Amino acid sequence: MHFTIQDLLDYAQIKADKFRKNFRRFNIRETVEKVMSIQLKSADDKGVRLHADFSNLAEDQEESLYDDGKPSPIVYSDEQRVMQVLLSLQSNALKYTK
């Protein structure tokens, strides 16, 4: 298993009951695209194409769920933790792809 220093620091904060969440609104589409751009070279080196399908999301945050039946891409969460999880999942997927 691959851990970053930030993962270990987060774990230590959780154990000491000092972990702080940083909840805010952010665009999940942009966050996923950032993660994919970080892993792009690794994927290219393995001959893997990264793709995310956002067809189930509205085009932007101004579109209402009621206008076209699609939810907004804006979520309220801890973007750094979401990125950590996505990077870890994507990194592991690439590591075990032959």
Protein backbone atom coordinates (compact mmCIF):
# COMPACT_ATOMS: atom_id res chain seq x y z
CA MET A 1 0.00 0.00 0.00
CA HIS A 2 1.26 3.47 -0.86
CA PHE A 3 0.96 6.25 1.73
CA THR A 4 1.95 9.88 1.32
CA ILE A 5 3.31 12.03 4.11
CA GLN A 6 -0.01 13.90 4.09
CA ASP A 7 -1.86 10.59 4.63
CA LEU A 8 0.32 9.83 7.64
CA LEU A 9 -0.16 13.33 9.05
CA ASP A 10 -3.93 13.01 8.59
CA TYR A 11 -3.88 9.64 10.36
CA ALA A 12 -1.90 11.11 13.27
CA GLN A 13 -4.39 13.99 13.55
CA ILE A 14 -7.32 11.58 13.53
CA LYS A 15 -5.74 9.49 16.29
CA ALA A 16 -5.14 12.66 18.37
CA ASP A 17 -8.72 13.90 17.76
CA LYS A 18 -7.29 17.00 16.08
CA PHE A 19 -8.32 16.31 12.50
CA ARG A 20 -10.02 19.30 10.89
CA LYS A 21 -12.33 18.97 7.96
CA ASN A 22 -12.28 21.73 5.38
CA PHE A 23 -15.79 21.71 3.97
CA ARG A 24 -16.57 24.11 1.16
CA ARG A 25 -18.39 24.23 -2.16
CA PHE A 26 -16.43 23.07 -5.20
CA ASN A 27 -17.00 21.78 -8.71
CA ILE A 28 -16.58 17.99 -8.68
CA ARG A 29 -16.04 17.92 -12.45
CA GLU A 30 -13.04 20.28 -12.12
CA THR A 31 -11.64 18.25 -9.21
CA VAL A 32 -11.86 14.97 -11.13
CA GLU A 33 -10.21 16.62 -14.14
CA LYS A 34 -7.36 17.89 -11.90
CA VAL A 35 -6.78 14.37 -10.57
CA MET A 36 -6.80 12.94 -14.07
CA SER A 37 -4.28 15.52 -15.26
CA ILE A 38 -1.94 14.57 -12.39
CA GLN A 39 -2.05 10.91 -13.43
CA LEU A 40 -1.96 11.53 -17.20
CA LYS A 41 1.76 10.77 -17.67
CA SER A 42 1.53 7.50 -15.71
CA ALA A 43 -1.48 6.47 -17.78
CA ASP A 44 0.26 7.39 -21.06
CA ASP A 45 3.35 5.40 -20.04
CA LYS A 46 1.12 2.33 -19.59
CA GLY A 47 -0.88 2.97 -22.75
CA VAL A 48 -4.03 3.62 -20.74
CA ARG A 49 -6.57 6.30 -21.62
CA LEU A 50 -8.20 8.10 -18.70
CA HIS A 51 -11.82 9.10 -19.20
CA ALA A 52 -14.52 10.53 -16.96
CA ASP A 53 -18.17 10.68 -17.99
CA PHE A 54 -20.02 13.71 -16.68
CA SER A 55 -23.13 13.27 -18.82
CA ASN A 56 -25.26 12.83 -15.69
CA LEU A 57 -24.28 16.32 -14.39
CA ALA A 58 -25.58 19.69 -15.45
CA GLU A 59 -23.15 21.75 -17.53
CA ASP A 60 -22.61 24.37 -14.82
CA GLN A 61 -23.70 25.29 -11.34
CA GLU A 62 -26.35 27.73 -12.55
CA GLU A 63 -28.46 24.99 -14.11
CA SER A 64 -31.14 23.75 -11.79
CA LEU A 65 -31.92 20.15 -11.02
CA TYR A 66 -35.45 20.94 -12.15
CA ASP A 67 -34.49 22.41 -15.55
CA ASP A 68 -33.06 19.29 -17.14
CA GLY A 69 -33.21 16.66 -14.40
CA LYS A 70 -29.44 16.69 -13.88
CA PRO A 71 -27.78 17.63 -10.59
CA SER A 72 -25.33 20.49 -10.33
CA PRO A 73 -21.61 19.64 -10.40
CA ILE A 74 -21.20 21.72 -7.24
CA VAL A 75 -20.77 19.67 -4.06
CA TYR A 76 -20.16 20.61 -0.44
CA SER A 77 -17.33 18.52 0.98
CA ASP A 78 -13.60 18.51 1.75
CA GLU A 79 -12.05 18.87 -1.70
CA GLN A 80 -8.54 17.93 -0.53
CA ARG A 81 -9.78 14.65 0.95
CA VAL A 82 -11.84 13.89 -2.17
CA MET A 83 -8.73 14.48 -4.27
CA GLN A 84 -6.68 12.22 -1.96
CA VAL A 85 -9.16 9.38 -2.34
CA LEU A 86 -9.44 9.79 -6.11
CA LEU A 87 -5.64 9.98 -6.52
CA SER A 88 -5.20 6.87 -4.42
CA LEU A 89 -7.84 4.90 -6.34
CA GLN A 90 -6.51 6.02 -9.70
CA SER A 91 -2.90 5.40 -8.71
CA ASN A 92 -3.72 1.86 -7.56
CA ALA A 93 -5.73 1.18 -10.70
CA LEU A 94 -2.79 2.28 -12.85
CA LYS A 95 -0.30 0.35 -10.74
CA TYR A 96 -2.18 -2.92 -11.24
CA THR A 97 -3.01 -2.35 -14.92
CA LYS A 98 -0.76 -4.36 -17.19
